[in-house]
Amino acid sequence: MAQDYTRGNLVGTVTDQAGAPVVGAEVTIRSNEQGFTRTTTTDSSGQFRATALPTGTYAVTVTANGAVVVQDNAA
């Protein structure tokens, strides 16, 4: 089976300051090069997964209860 090095996955866990999982947080992933956006929601363990993303850099924003709690603008 050939490997695909043109796509990857972004996975993570969103926790609060006490280390508890943040359930239902919205994770927005924006491609810096191509401009498209993917949005996913954290599960009951605070985990999220975005699959088959083209290689490149991404800006990630996490919103919980209507407030931006994390924003990472990777370059």
C-alpha atoms as a PDB file:
ATOM      1  CA  MET A   1       0.000   0.000   0.000  1.00  0.00           C
ATOM      2  CA  ALA A   2       1.390   3.390  -0.991  1.00  0.00           C
ATOM      3  CA  GLN A   3       1.662   6.095   1.632  1.00  0.00           C
ATOM      4  CA  ASP A   4       0.132   9.523   1.045  1.00  0.00           C
ATOM      5  CA  TYR A   5       2.447  12.310   2.177  1.00  0.00           C
ATOM      6  CA  THR A   6       0.206  15.044   0.731  1.00  0.00           C
ATOM      7  CA  ARG A   7      -2.418  14.847   3.495  1.00  0.00           C
ATOM      8  CA  GLY A   8      -2.369  14.566   7.242  1.00  0.00           C
ATOM      9  CA  ASN A   9      -4.552  14.603  10.341  1.00  0.00           C
ATOM     10  CA  LEU A  10      -4.820  17.166  13.101  1.00  0.00           C
ATOM     11  CA  VAL A  11      -5.842  15.726  16.463  1.00  0.00           C
ATOM     12  CA  GLY A  12      -5.896  17.196  19.935  1.00  0.00           C
ATOM     13  CA  THR A  13      -7.567  17.509  23.300  1.00  0.00           C
ATOM     14  CA  VAL A  14      -9.090  20.686  24.703  1.00  0.00           C
ATOM     15  CA  THR A  15      -8.904  21.022  28.491  1.00  0.00           C
ATOM     16  CA  ASP A  16      -9.644  23.813  30.937  1.00  0.00           C
ATOM     17  CA  GLN A  17      -7.132  25.264  33.384  1.00  0.00           C
ATOM     18  CA  ALA A  18      -7.885  22.472  35.863  1.00  0.00           C
ATOM     19  CA  GLY A  19      -7.173  19.822  33.210  1.00  0.00           C
ATOM     20  CA  ALA A  20     -10.807  18.775  32.760  1.00  0.00           C
ATOM     21  CA  PRO A  21     -11.949  18.067  29.183  1.00  0.00           C
ATOM     22  CA  VAL A  22     -13.951  20.793  27.454  1.00  0.00           C
ATOM     23  CA  VAL A  23     -16.936  19.069  25.854  1.00  0.00           C
ATOM     24  CA  GLY A  24     -18.592  20.645  22.814  1.00  0.00           C
ATOM     25  CA  ALA A  25     -15.894  23.223  22.075  1.00  0.00           C
ATOM     26  CA  GLU A  26     -15.780  24.335  18.444  1.00  0.00           C
ATOM     27  CA  VAL A  27     -12.383  23.879  16.781  1.00  0.00           C
ATOM     28  CA  THR A  28     -11.904  25.883  13.577  1.00  0.00           C
ATOM     29  CA  ILE A  29      -8.945  25.002  11.365  1.00  0.00           C
ATOM     30  CA  ARG A  30      -8.050  27.442   8.554  1.00  0.00           C
ATOM     31  CA  SER A  31      -5.473  26.724   5.860  1.00  0.00           C
ATOM     32  CA  ASN A  32      -3.014  29.609   5.619  1.00  0.00           C
ATOM     33  CA  GLU A  33      -2.075  28.752   2.021  1.00  0.00           C
ATOM     34  CA  GLN A  34      -5.397  27.694   0.519  1.00  0.00           C
ATOM     35  CA  GLY A  35      -7.842  29.652   2.679  1.00  0.00           C
ATOM     36  CA  PHE A  36     -10.361  26.867   3.303  1.00  0.00           C
ATOM     37  CA  THR A  37     -11.821  26.256   6.755  1.00  0.00           C
ATOM     38  CA  ARG A  38     -12.793  23.058   8.582  1.00  0.00           C
ATOM     39  CA  THR A  39     -14.790  23.061  11.782  1.00  0.00           C
ATOM     40  CA  THR A  40     -15.178  20.206  14.238  1.00  0.00           C
ATOM     41  CA  THR A  41     -16.474  19.813  17.786  1.00  0.00           C
ATOM     42  CA  THR A  42     -14.796  18.203  20.782  1.00  0.00           C
ATOM     43  CA  ASP A  43     -16.275  14.949  22.073  1.00  0.00           C
ATOM     44  CA  SER A  44     -17.037  13.835  25.633  1.00  0.00           C
ATOM     45  CA  SER A  45     -13.285  13.472  26.293  1.00  0.00           C
ATOM     46  CA  GLY A  46     -12.486  16.942  24.915  1.00  0.00           C
ATOM     47  CA  GLN A  47     -10.844  15.372  21.848  1.00  0.00           C
ATOM     48  CA  PHE A  48     -11.130  16.487  18.234  1.00  0.00           C
ATOM     49  CA  ARG A  49      -9.894  15.148  14.900  1.00  0.00           C
ATOM     50  CA  ALA A  50      -9.666  16.686  11.438  1.00  0.00           C
ATOM     51  CA  THR A  51      -8.643  14.164   8.790  1.00  0.00           C
ATOM     52  CA  ALA A  52      -7.213  14.319   5.271  1.00  0.00           C
ATOM     53  CA  LEU A  53      -5.905  17.876   5.550  1.00  0.00           C
ATOM     54  CA  PRO A  54      -3.550  18.936   2.735  1.00  0.00           C
ATOM     55  CA  THR A  55       0.013  19.586   3.888  1.00  0.00           C
ATOM     56  CA  GLY A  56       0.662  23.174   4.890  1.00  0.00           C
ATOM     57  CA  THR A  57       0.278  25.528   7.816  1.00  0.00           C
ATOM     58  CA  TYR A  58      -2.964  26.165   9.644  1.00  0.00           C
ATOM     59  CA  ALA A  59      -4.505  28.651  12.056  1.00  0.00           C
ATOM     60  CA  VAL A  60      -6.490  26.922  14.806  1.00  0.00           C
ATOM     61  CA  THR A  61      -9.124  28.641  16.922  1.00  0.00           C
ATOM     62  CA  VAL A  62     -10.972  26.993  19.815  1.00  0.00           C
ATOM     63  CA  THR A  63     -14.243  28.530  20.950  1.00  0.00           C
ATOM     64  CA  ALA A  64     -16.162  27.404  24.034  1.00  0.00           C
ATOM     65  CA  ASN A  65     -19.335  28.964  25.422  1.00  0.00           C
ATOM     66  CA  GLY A  66     -19.155  31.676  22.743  1.00  0.00           C
ATOM     67  CA  ALA A  67     -15.669  32.873  23.708  1.00  0.00           C
ATOM     68  CA  VAL A  68     -12.365  32.262  21.925  1.00  0.00           C
ATOM     69  CA  VAL A  69     -10.252  30.331  24.418  1.00  0.00           C
ATOM     70  CA  VAL A  70      -7.266  29.458  22.214  1.00  0.00           C
ATOM     71  CA  GLN A  71      -5.992  30.901  18.959  1.00  0.00           C
ATOM     72  CA  ASP A  72      -2.834  29.642  17.282  1.00  0.00           C
ATOM     73  CA  ASN A  73      -1.797  31.284  14.032  1.00  0.00           C
ATOM     74  CA  ALA A  74       0.984  28.952  12.910  1.00  0.00           C
ATOM     75  CA  ALA A  75       3.110  30.291  10.117  1.00  0.00           C
END
